[in-house]
Amino acid sequence: MSEVEVLVEGGEAEDRLRSLQDWLRTDETLDGAVRARLAASGPAAAGAMGFGFDVLQLVIGSGLSTGALAVSILQWRQAQRAARELTLRRGDVEVRIPVAAVAADGELVRRIVALLDGEDGDERRSA
C-alpha cells in the first residue's frame, strides 16, 4: 500500500476535497482500492475554532495502478465548474497540476504516474 495526499488551491478547499473523496469512493474503475480521509495539513490558524481540512489523504491498495488514480482525479477536476490547481504529493515528491492542464492528455497522465511512482529524480515538478 502507498499513500498520496491531494491538495486543492483556492477557496472552498474542504468542500472540493469532500467532493473528490465522494468521487473516488464511487468510481467503479478504482474498485474500492482507495481509502480516503480528510485531514489538516497543520495546526489551526490563530483565532480559528478548529482545524480546517485542506488535505485529502489517500491510501492506495497494492492492486491499483497510479495511472487509474491519476485519471480518476483528473476526470473529477474536469467535471468541476471551476478548475483549481491540484497538488499530488507522495513522500517528498510533489506534482502540481496547473489549471490549464487537460484531463484527457495522455502525456500529463504519464508524467503524473512517473513522478508518483518515483521514476523521476526531481522532487517537485509541475505536470
C-alpha atoms as a PDB file:
ATOM      1  CA  MET A   1       0.000   0.000   0.000  1.00  0.00           C
ATOM      2  CA  SER A   2       1.096   3.527  -0.644  1.00  0.00           C
ATOM      3  CA  GLU A   3      -0.156   6.942   0.374  1.00  0.00           C
ATOM      4  CA  VAL A   4      -0.850  10.037  -1.723  1.00  0.00           C
ATOM      5  CA  GLU A   5      -2.038  13.425  -0.499  1.00  0.00           C
ATOM      6  CA  VAL A   6      -4.190  15.726  -2.615  1.00  0.00           C
ATOM      7  CA  LEU A   7      -4.312  19.477  -2.058  1.00  0.00           C
ATOM      8  CA  VAL A   8      -6.626  21.902  -3.854  1.00  0.00           C
ATOM      9  CA  GLU A   9      -5.655  25.531  -4.353  1.00  0.00           C
ATOM     10  CA  GLY A  10      -8.141  28.360  -3.904  1.00  0.00           C
ATOM     11  CA  GLY A  11     -11.280  28.783  -1.856  1.00  0.00           C
ATOM     12  CA  GLU A  12     -13.625  26.111  -0.603  1.00  0.00           C
ATOM     13  CA  ALA A  13     -10.810  23.550  -0.342  1.00  0.00           C
ATOM     14  CA  GLU A  14     -12.659  21.403   2.197  1.00  0.00           C
ATOM     15  CA  ASP A  15     -15.820  21.230   0.058  1.00  0.00           C
ATOM     16  CA  ARG A  16     -13.815  20.373  -3.040  1.00  0.00           C
ATOM     17  CA  LEU A  17     -11.846  17.681  -1.223  1.00  0.00           C
ATOM     18  CA  ARG A  18     -15.090  16.163   0.105  1.00  0.00           C
ATOM     19  CA  SER A  19     -16.362  16.130  -3.477  1.00  0.00           C
ATOM     20  CA  LEU A  20     -13.201  14.354  -4.649  1.00  0.00           C
ATOM     21  CA  GLN A  21     -13.474  11.894  -1.764  1.00  0.00           C
ATOM     22  CA  ASP A  22     -17.031  11.014  -2.843  1.00  0.00           C
ATOM     23  CA  TRP A  23     -15.936  10.771  -6.490  1.00  0.00           C
ATOM     24  CA  LEU A  24     -13.145   8.319  -5.682  1.00  0.00           C
ATOM     25  CA  ARG A  25     -15.430   6.268  -3.434  1.00  0.00           C
ATOM     26  CA  THR A  26     -17.972   5.802  -6.242  1.00  0.00           C
ATOM     27  CA  ASP A  27     -15.556   5.420  -9.182  1.00  0.00           C
ATOM     28  CA  GLU A  28     -16.120   1.857 -10.383  1.00  0.00           C
ATOM     29  CA  THR A  29     -12.746   1.726 -12.148  1.00  0.00           C
ATOM     30  CA  LEU A  30     -10.991   2.031  -8.783  1.00  0.00           C
ATOM     31  CA  ASP A  31     -13.000  -0.902  -7.434  1.00  0.00           C
ATOM     32  CA  GLY A  32     -12.747   0.276  -3.819  1.00  0.00           C
ATOM     33  CA  ALA A  33      -8.939   0.108  -3.851  1.00  0.00           C
ATOM     34  CA  VAL A  34      -8.571   3.678  -2.497  1.00  0.00           C
ATOM     35  CA  ARG A  35      -9.340   4.698   1.078  1.00  0.00           C
ATOM     36  CA  ALA A  36      -9.642   8.448   1.526  1.00  0.00           C
ATOM     37  CA  ARG A  37      -9.851  10.674   4.584  1.00  0.00           C
ATOM     38  CA  LEU A  38      -9.782  14.411   5.121  1.00  0.00           C
ATOM     39  CA  ALA A  39      -7.014  15.877   7.250  1.00  0.00           C
ATOM     40  CA  ALA A  40      -5.472  19.181   8.232  1.00  0.00           C
ATOM     41  CA  SER A  41      -2.024  19.985   6.888  1.00  0.00           C
ATOM     42  CA  GLY A  42      -1.045  21.807  10.050  1.00  0.00           C
ATOM     43  CA  PRO A  43      -2.306  23.372  13.261  1.00  0.00           C
ATOM     44  CA  ALA A  44      -5.403  25.551  13.243  1.00  0.00           C
ATOM     45  CA  ALA A  45      -4.889  29.204  12.372  1.00  0.00           C
ATOM     46  CA  ALA A  46      -4.843  31.727  15.203  1.00  0.00           C
ATOM     47  CA  GLY A  47      -8.409  32.630  16.175  1.00  0.00           C
ATOM     48  CA  ALA A  48      -9.907  29.643  14.350  1.00  0.00           C
ATOM     49  CA  MET A  49     -12.441  27.479  16.156  1.00  0.00           C
ATOM     50  CA  GLY A  50     -10.845  24.269  14.934  1.00  0.00           C
ATOM     51  CA  PHE A  51      -8.930  22.628  12.158  1.00  0.00           C
ATOM     52  CA  GLY A  52      -9.843  23.238   8.551  1.00  0.00           C
ATOM     53  CA  PHE A  53      -9.481  20.178   6.387  1.00  0.00           C
ATOM     54  CA  ASP A  54      -7.220  21.048   3.473  1.00  0.00           C
ATOM     55  CA  VAL A  55      -5.657  17.693   2.539  1.00  0.00           C
ATOM     56  CA  LEU A  56      -7.219  14.508   1.253  1.00  0.00           C
ATOM     57  CA  GLN A  57      -5.084  11.550   2.289  1.00  0.00           C
ATOM     58  CA  LEU A  58      -5.384   8.521   0.021  1.00  0.00           C
ATOM     59  CA  VAL A  59      -4.261   5.011   0.861  1.00  0.00           C
ATOM     60  CA  ILE A  60      -3.902   3.023  -2.324  1.00  0.00           C
ATOM     61  CA  GLY A  61      -4.239  -0.749  -2.326  1.00  0.00           C
ATOM     62  CA  SER A  62      -1.497  -2.776  -3.964  1.00  0.00           C
ATOM     63  CA  GLY A  63      -3.774  -3.887  -6.820  1.00  0.00           C
ATOM     64  CA  LEU A  64      -4.461  -0.353  -8.071  1.00  0.00           C
ATOM     65  CA  SER A  65      -2.254   1.420 -10.557  1.00  0.00           C
ATOM     66  CA  THR A  66      -1.227   5.010 -10.002  1.00  0.00           C
ATOM     67  CA  GLY A  67      -2.433   5.652 -13.561  1.00  0.00           C
ATOM     68  CA  ALA A  68      -6.020   4.705 -12.717  1.00  0.00           C
ATOM     69  CA  LEU A  69      -5.930   7.017  -9.715  1.00  0.00           C
ATOM     70  CA  ALA A  70      -4.449   9.880 -11.771  1.00  0.00           C
ATOM     71  CA  VAL A  71      -7.115   9.508 -14.474  1.00  0.00           C
ATOM     72  CA  SER A  72      -9.915   9.466 -11.901  1.00  0.00           C
ATOM     73  CA  ILE A  73      -8.615  12.613 -10.167  1.00  0.00           C
ATOM     74  CA  LEU A  74      -8.235  14.429 -13.489  1.00  0.00           C
ATOM     75  CA  GLN A  75     -11.747  13.406 -14.549  1.00  0.00           C
ATOM     76  CA  TRP A  76     -13.124  14.731 -11.273  1.00  0.00           C
ATOM     77  CA  ARG A  77     -11.343  18.032 -11.794  1.00  0.00           C
ATOM     78  CA  GLN A  78     -12.672  18.312 -15.341  1.00  0.00           C
ATOM     79  CA  ALA A  79     -16.230  17.777 -14.034  1.00  0.00           C
ATOM     80  CA  GLN A  80     -15.942  20.744 -11.637  1.00  0.00           C
ATOM     81  CA  ARG A  81     -17.479  24.097 -12.557  1.00  0.00           C
ATOM     82  CA  ALA A  82     -14.268  25.969 -11.823  1.00  0.00           C
ATOM     83  CA  ALA A  83     -10.909  24.249 -12.231  1.00  0.00           C
ATOM     84  CA  ARG A  84      -8.367  24.747  -9.451  1.00  0.00           C
ATOM     85  CA  GLU A  85      -4.697  23.883  -9.342  1.00  0.00           C
ATOM     86  CA  LEU A  86      -4.157  20.484  -7.752  1.00  0.00           C
ATOM     87  CA  THR A  87      -1.108  19.160  -5.978  1.00  0.00           C
ATOM     88  CA  LEU A  88      -0.495  15.435  -5.561  1.00  0.00           C
ATOM     89  CA  ARG A  89       2.138  14.523  -3.015  1.00  0.00           C
ATOM     90  CA  ARG A  90       3.719  11.172  -2.272  1.00  0.00           C
ATOM     91  CA  GLY A  91       6.522  11.343   0.260  1.00  0.00           C
ATOM     92  CA  ASP A  92       8.925  14.049  -0.883  1.00  0.00           C
ATOM     93  CA  VAL A  93       7.590  14.042  -4.451  1.00  0.00           C
ATOM     94  CA  GLU A  94       5.098  16.755  -5.288  1.00  0.00           C
ATOM     95  CA  VAL A  95       3.231  17.038  -8.595  1.00  0.00           C
ATOM     96  CA  ARG A  96       1.451  20.303  -9.367  1.00  0.00           C
ATOM     97  CA  ILE A  97      -1.289  20.135 -11.963  1.00  0.00           C
ATOM     98  CA  PRO A  98      -1.962  23.626 -13.303  1.00  0.00           C
ATOM     99  CA  VAL A  99      -5.448  24.923 -14.087  1.00  0.00           C
ATOM    100  CA  ALA A 100      -4.735  24.842 -17.827  1.00  0.00           C
ATOM    101  CA  ALA A 101      -3.919  21.098 -17.827  1.00  0.00           C
ATOM    102  CA  VAL A 102      -6.307  18.946 -19.864  1.00  0.00           C
ATOM    103  CA  ALA A 103      -7.621  15.754 -18.255  1.00  0.00           C
ATOM    104  CA  ALA A 104      -7.554  13.727 -21.475  1.00  0.00           C
ATOM    105  CA  ASP A 105      -3.882  14.483 -22.101  1.00  0.00           C
ATOM    106  CA  GLY A 106      -2.115  11.119 -22.092  1.00  0.00           C
ATOM    107  CA  GLU A 107       1.270  12.784 -21.652  1.00  0.00           C
ATOM    108  CA  LEU A 108       0.036  14.520 -18.489  1.00  0.00           C
ATOM    109  CA  VAL A 109      -1.147  11.211 -17.041  1.00  0.00           C
ATOM    110  CA  ARG A 110       2.182   9.571 -17.941  1.00  0.00           C
ATOM    111  CA  ARG A 111       4.146  12.326 -16.183  1.00  0.00           C
ATOM    112  CA  ILE A 112       1.957  12.139 -13.073  1.00  0.00           C
ATOM    113  CA  VAL A 113       2.399   8.373 -12.896  1.00  0.00           C
ATOM    114  CA  ALA A 114       6.177   8.634 -13.415  1.00  0.00           C
ATOM    115  CA  LEU A 115       6.541  11.232 -10.672  1.00  0.00           C
ATOM    116  CA  LEU A 116       4.307   9.476  -8.157  1.00  0.00           C
ATOM    117  CA  ASP A 117       5.888   6.093  -8.837  1.00  0.00           C
ATOM    118  CA  GLY A 118       9.347   7.555  -8.241  1.00  0.00           C
ATOM    119  CA  GLU A 119      10.566   7.276 -11.831  1.00  0.00           C
ATOM    120  CA  ASP A 120      11.690  10.911 -11.959  1.00  0.00           C
ATOM    121  CA  GLY A 121      14.592  12.315  -9.960  1.00  0.00           C
ATOM    122  CA  ASP A 122      13.071  15.758  -9.365  1.00  0.00           C
ATOM    123  CA  GLU A 123      11.320  16.204  -6.048  1.00  0.00           C
ATOM    124  CA  ARG A 124       8.935  18.991  -7.024  1.00  0.00           C
ATOM    125  CA  ARG A 125       7.665  19.375 -10.546  1.00  0.00           C
ATOM    126  CA  SER A 126       4.735  20.761 -12.404  1.00  0.00           C
ATOM    127  CA  ALA A 127       2.942  18.321 -14.606  1.00  0.00           C
END
